Amino acid sequence: MGKTTLGMGKGSPLDARKLLDMHFLDIRSALLETAAALDRIERAKGGKEVMGDSRISKLFAACRIITDTGATDRAERFLTLFSSPETGP
């Protein structure tokens, strides 16, 4: 029988269904919080203008990363995206 490792990108000792059951509510909550924050920013005075800010662009790029079905390197790509230098608004 193969040995299970717990390093980054090495899988989990739990099966996918158990992981989904365990993390679904937390993931849903984080996504809802993100959507609500973006709504508040866009509805605020000057919101339309700030939507062109490079930080907002990175948030939308991160959304594309996390919705990349079949990818198993989303966390790494997410971290790489946010570790690149800011170019400013």
N, C-alpha and C. Protein backbone atom coordinates (compact mmCIF):
# COMPACT_ATOMS: atom_id res chain seq x y z
N MET A 1 0.84 -1.18 0.00
CA MET A 1 0.00 0.00 0.00
C MET A 1 0.88 1.24 0.00
N GLY A 2 0.51 2.27 -0.79
CA GLY A 2 1.30 3.50 -0.90
C GLY A 2 1.23 4.35 0.35
N LYS A 3 2.27 5.11 0.53
CA LYS A 3 2.37 6.01 1.67
C LYS A 3 1.70 7.34 1.33
N THR A 4 0.88 7.88 2.25
CA THR A 4 0.23 9.17 2.05
C THR A 4 1.08 10.27 2.65
N THR A 5 1.38 11.28 1.85
CA THR A 5 2.13 12.42 2.37
C THR A 5 1.19 13.60 2.49
N LEU A 6 1.49 14.48 3.43
CA LEU A 6 0.63 15.62 3.69
C LEU A 6 1.24 16.94 3.26
N GLY A 7 2.28 16.92 2.44
CA GLY A 7 2.90 18.16 1.99
C GLY A 7 2.02 18.89 1.00
N MET A 8 2.40 20.13 0.69
CA MET A 8 1.63 20.94 -0.26
C MET A 8 1.54 20.23 -1.60
N GLY A 9 0.32 20.09 -2.10
CA GLY A 9 0.11 19.46 -3.38
C GLY A 9 0.23 17.95 -3.36
N LYS A 10 0.30 17.36 -2.18
CA LYS A 10 0.49 15.92 -2.09
C LYS A 10 -0.79 15.18 -1.76
N GLY A 11 -1.92 15.86 -1.74
CA GLY A 11 -3.17 15.18 -1.46
C GLY A 11 -3.53 15.21 0.01
N SER A 12 -4.53 14.42 0.34
CA SER A 12 -5.05 14.37 1.70
C SER A 12 -5.39 12.94 2.05
N PRO A 13 -5.30 12.60 3.34
CA PRO A 13 -5.70 11.25 3.73
C PRO A 13 -7.22 11.08 3.67
N LEU A 14 -7.97 12.19 3.58
CA LEU A 14 -9.43 12.11 3.48
C LEU A 14 -9.85 12.07 2.02
N ASP A 15 -11.01 11.46 1.76
CA ASP A 15 -11.48 11.46 0.38
C ASP A 15 -12.15 12.79 0.05
N ALA A 16 -12.38 13.01 -1.22
CA ALA A 16 -12.90 14.29 -1.71
C ALA A 16 -14.25 14.64 -1.09
N ARG A 17 -15.14 13.67 -0.96
CA ARG A 17 -16.47 13.93 -0.39
C ARG A 17 -16.36 14.42 1.05
N LYS A 18 -15.50 13.80 1.84
CA LYS A 18 -15.32 14.22 3.24
C LYS A 18 -14.72 15.62 3.30
N LEU A 19 -13.76 15.91 2.43
CA LEU A 19 -13.17 17.24 2.39
C LEU A 19 -14.21 18.30 2.02
N LEU A 20 -15.05 17.98 1.03
CA LEU A 20 -16.11 18.91 0.64
C LEU A 20 -17.07 19.13 1.80
N ASP A 21 -17.50 18.05 2.43
CA ASP A 21 -18.40 18.17 3.59
C ASP A 21 -17.78 19.04 4.68
N MET A 22 -16.50 18.88 4.90
CA MET A 22 -15.80 19.58 5.98
C MET A 22 -15.62 21.07 5.66
N HIS A 23 -15.36 21.41 4.42
CA HIS A 23 -14.96 22.78 4.08
C HIS A 23 -16.02 23.61 3.35
N PHE A 24 -17.11 23.00 2.92
CA PHE A 24 -18.08 23.70 2.08
C PHE A 24 -18.60 24.99 2.70
N LEU A 25 -19.05 24.95 3.93
CA LEU A 25 -19.63 26.15 4.55
C LEU A 25 -18.61 27.26 4.71
N ASP A 26 -17.38 26.92 5.07
CA ASP A 26 -16.33 27.94 5.20
C ASP A 26 -16.00 28.57 3.85
N ILE A 27 -15.92 27.74 2.82
CA ILE A 27 -15.62 28.25 1.48
C ILE A 27 -16.75 29.16 1.00
N ARG A 28 -17.98 28.69 1.17
CA ARG A 28 -19.15 29.49 0.76
C ARG A 28 -19.16 30.83 1.48
N SER A 29 -18.87 30.81 2.77
CA SER A 29 -18.84 32.04 3.57
C SER A 29 -17.78 33.01 3.08
N ALA A 30 -16.58 32.50 2.78
CA ALA A 30 -15.49 33.36 2.30
C ALA A 30 -15.84 33.97 0.94
N LEU A 31 -16.46 33.18 0.06
CA LEU A 31 -16.84 33.71 -1.25
C LEU A 31 -17.95 34.75 -1.13
N LEU A 32 -18.92 34.51 -0.24
CA LEU A 32 -19.99 35.48 -0.01
C LEU A 32 -19.43 36.78 0.55
N GLU A 33 -18.52 36.67 1.50
CA GLU A 33 -17.89 37.86 2.08
C GLU A 33 -17.13 38.66 1.01
N THR A 34 -16.45 37.97 0.13
CA THR A 34 -15.72 38.62 -0.96
C THR A 34 -16.69 39.33 -1.91
N ALA A 35 -17.75 38.64 -2.31
CA ALA A 35 -18.73 39.24 -3.21
C ALA A 35 -19.38 40.47 -2.58
N ALA A 36 -19.73 40.37 -1.30
CA ALA A 36 -20.36 41.49 -0.60
C ALA A 36 -19.41 42.68 -0.50
N ALA A 37 -18.14 42.43 -0.22
CA ALA A 37 -17.16 43.51 -0.12
C ALA A 37 -17.00 44.21 -1.47
N LEU A 38 -16.94 43.45 -2.54
CA LEU A 38 -16.83 44.05 -3.87
C LEU A 38 -18.07 44.87 -4.21
N ASP A 39 -19.25 44.36 -3.83
CA ASP A 39 -20.49 45.12 -4.04
C ASP A 39 -20.45 46.45 -3.29
N ARG A 40 -20.02 46.41 -2.02
CA ARG A 40 -19.95 47.64 -1.22
C ARG A 40 -18.98 48.65 -1.84
N ILE A 41 -17.84 48.16 -2.29
CA ILE A 41 -16.84 49.05 -2.91
C ILE A 41 -17.43 49.69 -4.17
N GLU A 42 -18.05 48.89 -5.01
CA GLU A 42 -18.56 49.41 -6.28
C GLU A 42 -19.74 50.36 -6.06
N ARG A 43 -20.57 50.12 -5.04
CA ARG A 43 -21.72 51.00 -4.77
C ARG A 43 -21.33 52.29 -4.06
N ALA A 44 -20.17 52.31 -3.42
CA ALA A 44 -19.73 53.49 -2.66
C ALA A 44 -19.41 54.64 -3.61
N LYS A 45 -19.40 55.85 -3.06
CA LYS A 45 -19.03 57.02 -3.84
C LYS A 45 -17.64 56.80 -4.45
N GLY A 46 -17.53 56.96 -5.74
CA GLY A 46 -16.26 56.74 -6.44
C GLY A 46 -16.01 55.28 -6.76
N GLY A 47 -16.99 54.44 -6.52
CA GLY A 47 -16.82 53.00 -6.71
C GLY A 47 -16.53 52.58 -8.14
N LYS A 48 -17.21 53.21 -9.08
CA LYS A 48 -16.99 52.84 -10.48
C LYS A 48 -15.55 53.13 -10.89
N GLU A 49 -15.02 54.25 -10.41
CA GLU A 49 -13.64 54.62 -10.77
C GLU A 49 -12.62 53.67 -10.14
N VAL A 50 -12.86 53.28 -8.90
CA VAL A 50 -11.89 52.44 -8.20
C VAL A 50 -11.88 51.00 -8.73
N MET A 51 -12.89 50.63 -9.50
CA MET A 51 -12.93 49.28 -10.05
C MET A 51 -11.78 49.03 -11.03
N GLY A 52 -11.11 50.08 -11.49
CA GLY A 52 -9.94 49.92 -12.35
C GLY A 52 -8.63 49.80 -11.59
N ASP A 53 -8.68 49.87 -10.27
CA ASP A 53 -7.49 49.74 -9.42
C ASP A 53 -6.85 48.37 -9.63
N SER A 54 -5.53 48.32 -9.63
CA SER A 54 -4.82 47.05 -9.87
C SER A 54 -5.15 45.99 -8.82
N ARG A 55 -5.48 46.42 -7.60
CA ARG A 55 -5.84 45.44 -6.56
C ARG A 55 -7.16 44.77 -6.88
N ILE A 56 -8.11 45.54 -7.39
CA ILE A 56 -9.39 44.96 -7.80
C ILE A 56 -9.16 44.00 -8.97
N SER A 57 -8.32 44.41 -9.90
CA SER A 57 -8.00 43.54 -11.05
C SER A 57 -7.42 42.21 -10.57
N LYS A 58 -6.56 42.27 -9.54
CA LYS A 58 -5.98 41.03 -9.00
C LYS A 58 -7.04 40.18 -8.34
N LEU A 59 -8.01 40.81 -7.67
CA LEU A 59 -9.09 40.03 -7.05
C LEU A 59 -9.90 39.29 -8.12
N PHE A 60 -10.20 39.97 -9.22
CA PHE A 60 -10.93 39.31 -10.30
C PHE A 60 -10.08 38.22 -10.96
N ALA A 61 -8.79 38.45 -11.09
CA ALA A 61 -7.90 37.41 -11.63
C ALA A 61 -7.88 36.21 -10.70
N ALA A 62 -7.91 36.46 -9.39
CA ALA A 62 -7.94 35.37 -8.41
C ALA A 62 -9.23 34.56 -8.55
N CYS A 63 -10.34 35.24 -8.83
CA CYS A 63 -11.61 34.54 -9.04
C CYS A 63 -11.50 33.60 -10.25
N ARG A 64 -10.83 34.06 -11.29
CA ARG A 64 -10.64 33.19 -12.47
C ARG A 64 -9.77 31.98 -12.12
N ILE A 65 -8.77 32.20 -11.27
CA ILE A 65 -7.90 31.10 -10.86
C ILE A 65 -8.70 30.06 -10.08
N ILE A 66 -9.50 30.51 -9.12
CA ILE A 66 -10.20 29.52 -8.28
C ILE A 66 -11.32 28.81 -9.02
N THR A 67 -11.76 29.36 -10.15
CA THR A 67 -12.80 28.67 -10.93
C THR A 67 -12.22 27.84 -12.08
N ASP A 68 -10.92 27.68 -12.11
CA ASP A 68 -10.25 26.89 -13.14
C ASP A 68 -10.44 25.40 -12.84
N THR A 69 -11.53 24.85 -13.37
CA THR A 69 -11.87 23.45 -13.12
C THR A 69 -10.79 22.52 -13.65
N GLY A 70 -10.44 21.55 -12.84
CA GLY A 70 -9.43 20.57 -13.23
C GLY A 70 -8.02 20.93 -12.82
N ALA A 71 -7.80 22.17 -12.43
CA ALA A 71 -6.47 22.59 -12.00
C ALA A 71 -6.23 22.11 -10.57
N THR A 72 -5.03 21.71 -10.28
CA THR A 72 -4.70 21.29 -8.91
C THR A 72 -3.62 22.19 -8.30
N ASP A 73 -3.36 23.31 -8.96
CA ASP A 73 -2.33 24.23 -8.47
C ASP A 73 -2.91 25.62 -8.18
N ARG A 74 -4.22 25.68 -7.89
CA ARG A 74 -4.88 26.97 -7.69
C ARG A 74 -4.27 27.77 -6.55
N ALA A 75 -3.99 27.13 -5.42
CA ALA A 75 -3.43 27.86 -4.27
C ALA A 75 -2.07 28.47 -4.63
N GLU A 76 -1.24 27.71 -5.32
CA GLU A 76 0.07 28.22 -5.71
C GLU A 76 -0.06 29.42 -6.66
N ARG A 77 -0.95 29.30 -7.65
CA ARG A 77 -1.16 30.39 -8.60
C ARG A 77 -1.75 31.62 -7.92
N PHE A 78 -2.65 31.41 -6.97
CA PHE A 78 -3.24 32.50 -6.20
C PHE A 78 -2.15 33.25 -5.44
N LEU A 79 -1.30 32.51 -4.74
CA LEU A 79 -0.21 33.13 -3.97
C LEU A 79 0.77 33.87 -4.88
N THR A 80 1.08 33.28 -6.02
CA THR A 80 1.98 33.93 -6.98
C THR A 80 1.38 35.24 -7.47
N LEU A 81 0.09 35.23 -7.77
CA LEU A 81 -0.59 36.44 -8.23
C LEU A 81 -0.43 37.58 -7.22
N PHE A 82 -0.65 37.27 -5.95
CA PHE A 82 -0.61 38.32 -4.93
C PHE A 82 0.80 38.61 -4.42
N SER A 83 1.78 37.83 -4.84
CA SER A 83 3.15 38.12 -4.42
C SER A 83 3.88 39.01 -5.43
N SER A 84 3.27 39.20 -6.60
CA SER A 84 3.91 40.09 -7.58
C SER A 84 3.69 41.54 -7.15
N PRO A 85 4.65 42.41 -7.45
CA PRO A 85 4.59 43.80 -6.99
C PRO A 85 3.36 44.54 -7.49
N GLU A 86 2.86 45.43 -6.64
CA GLU A 86 1.73 46.29 -7.02
C GLU A 86 2.20 47.34 -8.02
N THR A 87 1.36 47.61 -8.98
CA THR A 87 1.69 48.66 -9.94
C THR A 87 0.95 49.95 -9.62
N GLY A 88 0.11 49.91 -8.62
CA GLY A 88 -0.64 51.10 -8.22
C GLY A 88 -1.95 51.20 -8.98
N PRO A 89 -2.78 52.15 -8.58
CA PRO A 89 -4.11 52.30 -9.22
C PRO A 89 -4.01 52.78 -10.65
